[in-house]
Amino acid sequence: MIISPVKKIEGFIKVPGDKSISHRAVILGSVAKGLTEIHNLSPCEDCIRTVTAFKNMGIEFSFTKESVIVKGKGLRDLSEPQDVLDLGNSGTSIRLLTGVLSAQSFFSVLTGDQYLLKRPMDRVIIPLTRMGAKISGRANNRFAPLAIKGEKLKSISYTMPVPSAQVKSSIILAGIFAEGTTRITETALTRDHTEIMLSSFGGKISKSKEIIAVDGGQNLEGTKIFVPSDISSAAFLLVAASLLKDSSVTIKDVGINPTRTGILDILKEMGTRIEISNMSLKNGELVADISASTSELHGISIDEEIAPRAIDEFPIIFIAAALAKGKTHITGIKELRIKESDRIATMVKGLKNMGINAVEGEGEVTIEGAEKFRGTKINSFGDHRVAMAFSIAALLADSETHIDDVKCIDTSFPGFFNILESVVKS
């Protein structure tokens, strides 16, 4: 795609439903008894993969203009899939489903695209195996495809070696089926959508300091779920408004769960004018309208303490840092090496192509701010967040920018370019 620079953006917009929350609504709705009504479910490819997987295990879905109805079967009444479950590019799908399928009374195989097959799965296989699961994977159980033979699970106490909401959620979901109480100790704060949503379905889960406890053998009941707009998607528009002259955007009904608002804290520290309004609580999740406008950004230091709360937003944070005054130094982001692409390497390479001085370490990056991006050719490496980040950078370049493989953006944000075009002003 060829993207030309623009003068400004302005308007009120709504981005798709939160991807992380949508996955969890589909999964818990499928293993709950009765009907679950989900409003504002994300239409992204990742969430469609989760829906399709449960369809292949006998779950019925009805789609209306306003909502999706899930006809849940209960914890143990899923059907054995007749074929391999292909989860595409979705790391959330494969890790969370591994937790659920470990406790079923049938055999299943999970696979994905070339990028998903490179992502580490041993971090979920190790704790689930301790619970009694039988899981086999490629390269000595490190990577998918995964073959899972469901077993009767037992509870465990497990300390997370690496902060990961996906791994935590996989263990929680397995814990619902296990005998006894499963306890998970977090060493750093990660997003807690699974814990919040489990309570909405009538599940018993508690947290005392850093220890999460979930009881096994409980029954979940279908419910109504409202999915807020995705803050990870909103971040691209917020940064665009802060960097372009005479610009402002307001994004409606965005989820502002404190485990996800690292992006807002970082942008505020850099000098972005951000306003939060119309705050409310829906299904235990904080929701609000977020506004951002033209600002003078300056470089800051971002450390490992805040990194887990902004882990998906770092590609667009790199773009903000590239036009901030001074240097931005970011540490504690080694996890970016094993996302849909090596996001440290792909972002640094792209920034250099656009004329930005950026230096990478194993889990850190230093970016020196410049006045403008240079129009160039960018390789997204099939990574949706990299493609969107450089699409925003292209709006601020001195000439046209060519970005390959923007189709990957549908992984998380279908309609991205339509929404962007709706706020561009000549």
Protein backbone atom coordinates (compact mmCIF):
# COMPACT_ATOMS: atom_id res chain seq x y z
CA MET A 1 0.00 0.00 0.00
CA ILE A 2 1.13 3.56 -0.76
CA ILE A 3 0.40 6.10 1.99
CA SER A 4 0.79 9.83 1.49
CA PRO A 5 1.45 12.40 4.23
CA VAL A 6 -1.55 14.36 5.57
CA LYS A 7 -2.01 17.73 7.27
CA LYS A 8 -4.17 16.76 10.23
CA ILE A 9 -6.76 14.37 11.65
CA GLU A 10 -9.90 15.31 13.55
CA GLY A 11 -13.08 13.60 14.68
CA PHE A 12 -15.04 11.28 16.95
CA ILE A 13 -14.52 7.59 16.24
CA LYS A 14 -15.11 4.10 17.56
CA VAL A 15 -12.64 1.28 17.11
CA PRO A 16 -13.53 -2.45 17.16
CA GLY A 17 -14.13 -4.40 20.35
CA ASP A 18 -11.19 -5.42 22.50
CA LYS A 19 -9.48 -8.48 21.02
CA SER A 20 -8.31 -9.92 24.34
CA ILE A 21 -11.73 -9.60 25.98
CA SER A 22 -13.51 -10.95 22.87
CA HIS A 23 -11.45 -14.16 22.91
CA ARG A 24 -12.29 -14.74 26.56
CA ALA A 25 -16.00 -14.03 26.05
CA VAL A 26 -16.19 -16.66 23.29
CA ILE A 27 -14.21 -19.24 25.28
CA LEU A 28 -16.09 -18.84 28.56
CA GLY A 29 -19.43 -18.54 26.76
CA SER A 30 -18.73 -21.87 25.06
CA VAL A 31 -17.98 -23.76 28.29
CA ALA A 32 -20.75 -22.09 30.31
CA LYS A 33 -24.26 -23.56 30.53
CA GLY A 34 -26.91 -21.75 28.53
CA LEU A 35 -26.90 -18.67 26.34
CA THR A 36 -24.26 -15.93 26.40
CA GLU A 37 -24.99 -12.67 24.59
CA ILE A 38 -21.85 -10.79 23.53
CA HIS A 39 -22.11 -7.17 22.42
CA ASN A 40 -19.36 -5.48 20.35
CA LEU A 41 -17.38 -8.69 19.77
CA SER A 42 -14.24 -7.94 17.78
CA PRO A 43 -14.63 -8.97 14.10
CA CYS A 44 -10.86 -9.44 13.73
CA GLU A 45 -9.37 -12.56 12.16
CA ASP A 46 -7.88 -13.76 15.46
CA CYS A 47 -11.29 -13.82 17.17
CA ILE A 48 -12.91 -15.46 14.14
CA ARG A 49 -10.35 -18.27 14.57
CA THR A 50 -11.50 -18.79 18.16
CA VAL A 51 -15.17 -18.81 17.13
CA THR A 52 -14.45 -21.29 14.32
CA ALA A 53 -12.54 -23.59 16.67
CA PHE A 54 -15.51 -23.84 19.02
CA LYS A 55 -17.92 -24.30 16.11
CA ASN A 56 -15.78 -27.31 15.19
CA MET A 57 -16.31 -28.59 18.74
CA GLY A 58 -20.11 -28.41 18.53
CA ILE A 59 -20.84 -24.91 19.83
CA GLU A 60 -23.59 -22.96 18.05
CA PHE A 61 -23.24 -19.22 17.35
CA SER A 62 -25.96 -16.83 16.15
CA PHE A 63 -24.94 -13.46 14.72
CA THR A 64 -27.21 -10.41 14.78
CA LYS A 65 -26.52 -6.75 14.03
CA GLU A 66 -26.12 -5.94 17.71
CA SER A 67 -24.61 -9.07 19.23
CA VAL A 68 -23.38 -12.65 19.03
CA ILE A 69 -25.29 -15.38 20.86
CA VAL A 70 -23.24 -18.36 22.08
CA LYS A 71 -25.10 -21.55 22.99
CA GLY A 72 -22.80 -22.93 25.66
CA LYS A 73 -22.63 -26.64 26.46
CA GLY A 74 -20.98 -26.59 29.86
CA LEU A 75 -17.50 -27.54 30.97
CA ARG A 76 -17.36 -31.11 29.72
CA ASP A 77 -19.70 -31.35 26.75
CA LEU A 78 -17.53 -30.08 23.92
CA SER A 79 -17.29 -32.49 20.97
CA GLU A 80 -14.08 -33.92 19.56
CA PRO A 81 -13.10 -31.90 16.46
CA GLN A 82 -13.04 -33.93 13.25
CA ASP A 83 -9.99 -32.11 11.92
CA VAL A 84 -6.99 -30.07 13.05
CA LEU A 85 -7.94 -26.72 14.61
CA ASP A 86 -6.11 -24.03 12.63
CA LEU A 87 -5.72 -20.89 14.76
CA GLY A 88 -3.99 -18.80 12.12
CA ASN A 89 -1.89 -16.04 13.65
CA SER A 90 -3.57 -16.03 17.06
CA GLY A 91 -1.29 -16.63 20.02
CA THR A 92 -4.16 -15.95 22.41
CA SER A 93 -6.32 -18.62 20.76
CA ILE A 94 -3.72 -21.37 20.82
CA ARG A 95 -2.53 -20.75 24.37
CA LEU A 96 -5.97 -20.36 25.94
CA LEU A 97 -7.47 -23.27 24.02
CA THR A 98 -4.59 -25.49 25.12
CA GLY A 99 -5.72 -24.90 28.71
CA VAL A 100 -9.34 -25.80 27.93
CA LEU A 101 -8.56 -28.81 25.72
CA SER A 102 -6.13 -30.31 28.24
CA ALA A 103 -9.14 -31.26 30.37
CA GLN A 104 -11.48 -32.60 27.67
CA SER A 105 -12.28 -36.26 27.12
CA PHE A 106 -10.96 -36.31 23.56
CA PHE A 107 -7.96 -35.85 21.29
CA SER A 108 -7.26 -32.58 19.49
CA VAL A 109 -4.52 -30.98 17.39
CA LEU A 110 -3.81 -27.24 17.29
CA THR A 111 -1.80 -25.51 14.58
CA GLY A 112 -1.40 -22.08 12.99
CA ASP A 113 0.34 -20.06 10.32
CA GLN A 114 4.10 -19.77 9.76
CA TYR A 115 4.38 -17.01 12.37
CA LEU A 116 2.40 -18.80 15.09
CA LEU A 117 4.52 -21.93 14.62
CA LYS A 118 7.56 -19.90 15.71
CA ARG A 119 6.06 -18.72 18.99
CA PRO A 120 7.06 -20.54 22.21
CA MET A 121 4.46 -22.94 23.58
CA ASP A 122 6.57 -24.61 26.26
CA ARG A 123 5.59 -21.84 28.66
CA VAL A 124 2.02 -23.23 28.71
CA ILE A 125 2.94 -26.89 28.19
CA ILE A 126 5.15 -27.01 31.31
CA PRO A 127 2.52 -25.95 33.88
CA LEU A 128 -0.30 -27.84 32.15
CA THR A 129 1.80 -31.02 32.12
CA ARG A 130 2.31 -30.59 35.86
CA MET A 131 -1.49 -30.57 36.14
CA GLY A 132 -1.61 -33.94 34.37
CA ALA A 133 -2.15 -32.84 30.78
CA LYS A 134 -0.70 -34.88 27.92
CA ILE A 135 0.59 -32.47 25.28
CA SER A 136 3.10 -33.13 22.52
CA GLY A 137 4.68 -30.41 20.41
CA ARG A 138 7.34 -29.90 17.81
CA ALA A 139 11.02 -29.44 18.76
CA ASN A 140 10.82 -31.25 22.10
CA ASN A 141 7.45 -29.73 23.06
CA ARG A 142 8.51 -26.15 22.40
CA PHE A 143 6.40 -25.23 19.38
CA ALA A 144 3.09 -25.99 17.66
CA PRO A 145 1.53 -28.01 16.11
CA LEU A 146 0.31 -29.40 19.43
CA ALA A 147 -1.32 -32.79 19.95
CA ILE A 148 -3.47 -32.83 23.10
CA LYS A 149 -5.00 -35.88 24.79
CA GLY A 150 -7.45 -34.63 27.38
CA GLU A 151 -6.95 -35.91 30.92
CA LYS A 152 -8.35 -35.51 34.41
CA LEU A 153 -6.37 -32.57 35.80
CA LYS A 154 -5.17 -31.85 39.32
CA SER A 155 -4.59 -28.43 40.83
CA ILE A 156 -1.09 -26.96 41.19
CA SER A 157 0.67 -23.98 42.71
CA TYR A 158 2.70 -22.22 40.04
CA THR A 159 4.95 -19.17 39.99
CA MET A 160 5.03 -17.40 36.64
CA PRO A 161 8.65 -17.29 35.37
CA VAL A 162 7.76 -14.66 32.73
CA PRO A 163 4.90 -12.13 32.91
CA SER A 164 2.26 -13.37 30.45
CA ALA A 165 -1.51 -12.92 30.57
CA GLN A 166 -1.91 -15.68 27.98
CA VAL A 167 -0.01 -18.25 30.05
CA LYS A 168 -1.80 -17.18 33.24
CA SER A 169 -5.17 -17.46 31.50
CA SER A 170 -4.35 -20.90 30.11
CA ILE A 171 -3.62 -22.15 33.62
CA ILE A 172 -6.77 -20.49 35.02
CA LEU A 173 -8.93 -22.11 32.34
CA ALA A 174 -7.37 -25.51 33.05
CA GLY A 175 -7.84 -24.83 36.76
CA ILE A 176 -11.62 -24.53 36.31
CA PHE A 177 -11.64 -28.21 35.28
CA ALA A 178 -9.02 -29.43 37.80
CA GLU A 179 -9.53 -31.13 41.13
CA GLY A 180 -8.83 -28.73 44.01
CA THR A 181 -7.71 -25.10 43.99
CA THR A 182 -5.08 -23.92 41.53
CA ARG A 183 -2.85 -21.06 42.71
CA ILE A 184 -0.80 -18.82 40.42
CA THR A 185 1.81 -16.39 41.69
CA GLU A 186 2.49 -13.42 39.43
CA THR A 187 5.90 -11.77 39.54
CA ALA A 188 4.62 -8.75 37.59
CA LEU A 189 1.18 -7.30 36.88
CA THR A 190 -0.43 -8.57 33.65
CA ARG A 191 -3.85 -7.99 32.13
CA ASP A 192 -6.61 -9.54 34.24
CA HIS A 193 -9.48 -9.86 31.76
CA THR A 194 -9.84 -13.61 32.41
CA GLU A 195 -10.23 -13.12 36.15
CA ILE A 196 -12.79 -10.33 35.69
CA MET A 197 -14.82 -12.20 33.08
CA LEU A 198 -14.79 -15.48 34.98
CA SER A 199 -16.59 -13.69 37.81
CA SER A 200 -19.19 -12.39 35.31
CA PHE A 201 -19.97 -16.02 34.42
CA GLY A 202 -20.42 -16.90 38.10
CA GLY A 203 -16.97 -18.41 38.50
CA LYS A 204 -15.10 -18.45 41.80
CA ILE A 205 -11.70 -16.80 41.59
CA SER A 206 -9.81 -14.68 44.11
CA LYS A 207 -6.64 -12.64 44.30
CA SER A 208 -4.61 -11.88 47.42
CA LYS A 209 -1.62 -9.67 46.65
CA GLU A 210 0.17 -11.48 43.81
CA ILE A 211 -1.53 -14.90 44.26
CA ILE A 212 -4.55 -15.86 42.14
CA ALA A 213 -6.68 -18.82 43.29
CA VAL A 214 -9.28 -20.59 41.15
CA ASP A 215 -11.49 -23.45 42.32
CA GLY A 216 -11.92 -26.51 40.16
CA GLY A 217 -15.15 -28.32 39.38
CA GLN A 218 -17.32 -25.21 39.33
CA ASN A 219 -20.15 -24.55 36.90
CA LEU A 220 -20.37 -21.42 34.78
CA GLU A 221 -23.63 -19.82 33.67
CA GLY A 222 -24.27 -17.94 30.44
CA THR A 223 -24.55 -14.17 30.76
CA LYS A 224 -24.51 -10.85 28.88
CA ILE A 225 -21.11 -9.37 28.03
CA PHE A 226 -20.29 -5.91 26.68
CA VAL A 227 -16.86 -5.77 25.03
CA PRO A 228 -15.29 -2.29 25.25
CA SER A 229 -13.34 -0.82 22.35
CA ASP A 230 -9.73 -1.98 22.14
CA ILE A 231 -7.19 0.37 23.74
CA SER A 232 -4.42 -1.31 21.71
CA SER A 233 -6.21 -0.26 18.51
CA ALA A 234 -7.07 3.18 19.89
CA ALA A 235 -3.38 3.82 20.61
CA PHE A 236 -2.56 4.27 16.91
CA LEU A 237 -5.09 7.09 16.53
CA LEU A 238 -4.07 8.72 19.82
CA VAL A 239 -0.43 8.91 18.73
CA ALA A 240 -1.38 10.21 15.28
CA ALA A 241 -3.41 13.04 16.85
CA SER A 242 -0.58 13.95 19.21
CA LEU A 243 2.04 14.15 16.43
CA LEU A 244 0.10 15.84 13.61
CA LYS A 245 -0.44 19.61 13.74
CA ASP A 246 -3.88 21.05 14.60
CA SER A 247 -5.25 17.57 15.29
CA SER A 248 -7.57 15.99 17.82
CA VAL A 249 -9.53 12.75 18.11
CA THR A 250 -11.96 11.30 20.62
CA ILE A 251 -12.36 7.53 20.74
CA LYS A 252 -15.58 6.23 22.31
CA ASP A 253 -16.13 3.46 24.87
CA VAL A 254 -12.50 2.36 25.21
CA GLY A 255 -11.50 -0.21 27.82
CA ILE A 256 -9.21 1.41 30.39
CA ASN A 257 -8.48 -1.57 32.61
CA PRO A 258 -5.48 -0.49 34.77
CA THR A 259 -3.49 -3.51 33.52
CA ARG A 260 -3.77 -2.10 29.99
CA THR A 261 -3.26 1.65 30.47
CA GLY A 262 0.53 1.66 30.37
CA ILE A 263 0.21 3.27 26.93
CA LEU A 264 -1.69 6.23 28.42
CA ASP A 265 0.82 6.65 31.25
CA ILE A 266 3.73 6.59 28.79
CA LEU A 267 2.14 9.07 26.37
CA LYS A 268 1.23 11.43 29.22
CA GLU A 269 4.81 11.32 30.51
CA MET A 270 6.03 12.14 27.00
CA GLY A 271 3.79 15.21 26.98
CA THR A 272 0.68 14.03 25.11
CA ARG A 273 -2.51 15.90 25.96
CA ILE A 274 -4.91 13.14 26.92
CA GLU A 275 -8.37 13.52 28.46
CA ILE A 276 -10.53 10.75 29.94
CA SER A 277 -14.31 11.30 30.11
CA ASN A 278 -17.63 9.46 30.53
CA MET A 279 -16.08 6.75 32.69
CA SER A 280 -18.25 3.75 33.62
CA LEU A 281 -17.99 0.11 34.72
CA LYS A 282 -19.30 -2.65 32.41
CA ASN A 283 -18.97 -6.34 33.35
CA GLY A 284 -16.24 -5.34 35.79
CA GLU A 285 -14.20 -3.51 33.12
CA LEU A 286 -13.55 0.24 33.24
CA VAL A 287 -14.72 1.99 30.06
CA ALA A 288 -14.31 5.63 28.99
CA ASP A 289 -13.94 8.03 26.07
CA ILE A 290 -10.31 9.01 25.38
CA SER A 291 -9.28 12.24 23.64
CA ALA A 292 -5.83 13.25 22.39
CA SER A 293 -4.66 16.39 20.62
CA THR A 294 -1.54 17.95 19.10
CA SER A 295 1.28 17.96 21.64
CA GLU A 296 5.01 18.58 21.94
CA LEU A 297 6.51 15.25 22.93
CA HIS A 298 9.84 14.71 24.65
CA GLY A 299 11.98 11.63 25.14
CA ILE A 300 11.70 9.63 28.37
CA SER A 301 12.99 6.44 29.99
CA ILE A 302 10.58 3.50 30.00
CA ASP A 303 11.51 0.58 32.27
CA GLU A 304 10.56 -3.05 32.80
CA GLU A 305 8.01 -2.19 35.50
CA ILE A 306 5.55 -0.62 33.07
CA ALA A 307 6.40 -2.78 30.04
CA PRO A 308 3.85 -5.60 30.71
CA ARG A 309 1.06 -2.97 30.84
CA ALA A 310 1.95 -1.69 27.35
CA ILE A 311 3.47 -4.76 25.71
CA ASP A 312 1.23 -4.68 22.60
CA GLU A 313 1.53 -0.93 22.15
CA PHE A 314 5.31 -0.63 21.85
CA PRO A 315 5.35 -0.46 18.02
CA ILE A 316 3.33 2.77 18.11
CA ILE A 317 5.27 4.00 21.16
CA PHE A 318 8.42 3.67 19.02
CA ILE A 319 6.76 5.95 16.45
CA ALA A 320 5.93 8.55 19.11
CA ALA A 321 9.52 8.39 20.39
CA ALA A 322 10.88 8.89 16.87
CA LEU A 323 9.37 12.39 16.67
CA ALA A 324 9.81 13.33 20.34
CA LYS A 325 12.45 15.85 21.33
CA GLY A 326 15.56 14.08 22.67
CA LYS A 327 16.19 10.38 23.30
CA THR A 328 13.81 7.70 24.51
CA HIS A 329 15.33 4.66 26.20
CA ILE A 330 13.14 1.58 26.62
CA THR A 331 14.10 -1.50 28.68
CA GLY A 332 12.35 -4.70 29.76
CA ILE A 333 10.88 -5.48 26.33
CA LYS A 334 12.56 -8.79 25.49
CA GLU A 335 9.08 -10.30 25.00
CA LEU A 336 8.78 -8.26 21.80
CA ARG A 337 11.33 -10.62 20.24
CA ILE A 338 8.76 -13.45 20.21
CA LYS A 339 5.60 -11.68 19.09
CA GLU A 340 4.11 -12.05 15.59
CA SER A 341 7.52 -10.88 14.43
CA ASP A 342 10.68 -9.89 16.26
CA ARG A 343 9.16 -6.48 16.95
CA ILE A 344 12.37 -4.94 18.23
CA ALA A 345 14.26 -5.85 15.06
CA THR A 346 11.43 -5.07 12.62
CA MET A 347 10.63 -1.70 14.19
CA VAL A 348 14.28 -0.61 14.44
CA LYS A 349 14.89 -1.61 10.81
CA GLY A 350 11.84 0.33 9.66
CA LEU A 351 12.73 3.39 11.73
CA LYS A 352 16.23 3.44 10.24
CA ASN A 353 14.71 3.23 6.75
CA MET A 354 12.63 6.29 7.63
CA GLY A 355 15.72 8.24 8.70
CA ILE A 356 15.50 7.72 12.46
CA ASN A 357 18.52 6.89 14.62
CA ALA A 358 17.55 3.79 16.63
CA VAL A 359 19.79 1.29 18.43
CA GLU A 360 18.63 -2.10 19.73
CA GLY A 361 19.83 -4.40 22.50
CA GLU A 362 18.49 -7.82 23.45
CA GLY A 363 15.59 -6.38 25.43
CA GLU A 364 16.02 -2.66 24.97
CA VAL A 365 15.88 0.13 22.41
CA THR A 366 17.17 3.70 22.27
CA ILE A 367 15.47 6.07 19.82
CA GLU A 368 16.67 9.57 19.01
CA GLY A 369 13.87 11.91 18.06
CA ALA A 370 13.83 13.68 14.68
CA GLU A 371 11.65 16.35 13.07
CA LYS A 372 10.15 14.20 10.32
CA PHE A 373 10.05 10.73 8.85
CA ARG A 374 11.52 10.00 5.44
CA GLY A 375 9.18 8.40 2.92
CA THR A 376 10.49 4.95 2.02
CA LYS A 377 9.63 1.27 1.60
CA ILE A 378 8.67 -0.66 4.73
CA ASN A 379 8.49 -4.42 5.29
CA SER A 380 5.80 -5.26 7.86
CA PHE A 381 7.01 -8.88 8.13
CA GLY A 382 3.34 -9.89 8.29
CA ASP A 383 2.96 -8.24 11.71
CA HIS A 384 -0.30 -6.32 12.10
CA ARG A 385 0.96 -3.90 14.76
CA VAL A 386 4.15 -3.14 12.82
CA ALA A 387 2.07 -2.43 9.69
CA MET A 388 -0.25 -0.07 11.59
CA ALA A 389 2.61 1.69 13.37
CA PHE A 390 4.37 2.54 10.11
CA SER A 391 1.05 3.51 8.52
CA ILE A 392 0.81 6.23 11.18
CA ALA A 393 4.45 7.21 10.60
CA ALA A 394 3.69 7.51 6.88
CA LEU A 395 1.15 10.25 7.61
CA LEU A 396 4.04 12.34 8.98
CA ALA A 397 6.65 11.54 6.31
CA ASP A 398 8.15 13.95 3.79
CA SER A 399 6.92 11.85 0.84
CA GLU A 400 4.99 8.69 0.01
CA THR A 401 5.65 5.51 1.99
CA HIS A 402 5.19 2.00 0.55
CA ILE A 403 4.16 -0.64 3.11
CA ASP A 404 3.95 -4.28 2.07
CA ASP A 405 1.40 -6.77 3.44
CA VAL A 406 -1.14 -4.50 5.12
CA LYS A 407 -3.69 -7.34 4.88
CA CYS A 408 -2.18 -8.64 8.12
CA ILE A 409 -3.85 -5.67 9.89
CA ASP A 410 -7.14 -7.61 9.78
CA THR A 411 -5.59 -9.87 12.43
CA SER A 412 -6.59 -7.29 15.06
CA PHE A 413 -8.10 -4.16 13.44
CA PRO A 414 -10.31 -4.75 10.39
CA GLY A 415 -11.40 -1.40 8.96
CA PHE A 416 -8.25 0.37 10.18
CA PHE A 417 -7.74 2.35 6.98
CA ASN A 418 -11.45 3.23 6.67
CA ILE A 419 -11.42 4.70 10.18
CA LEU A 420 -8.16 6.51 9.49
CA GLU A 421 -9.53 8.00 6.28
CA SER A 422 -12.66 9.18 8.11
CA VAL A 423 -10.63 11.52 10.33
CA VAL A 424 -8.09 12.77 7.79
CA LYS A 425 -8.68 16.45 6.95
CA SER A 426 -7.18 18.21 3.94
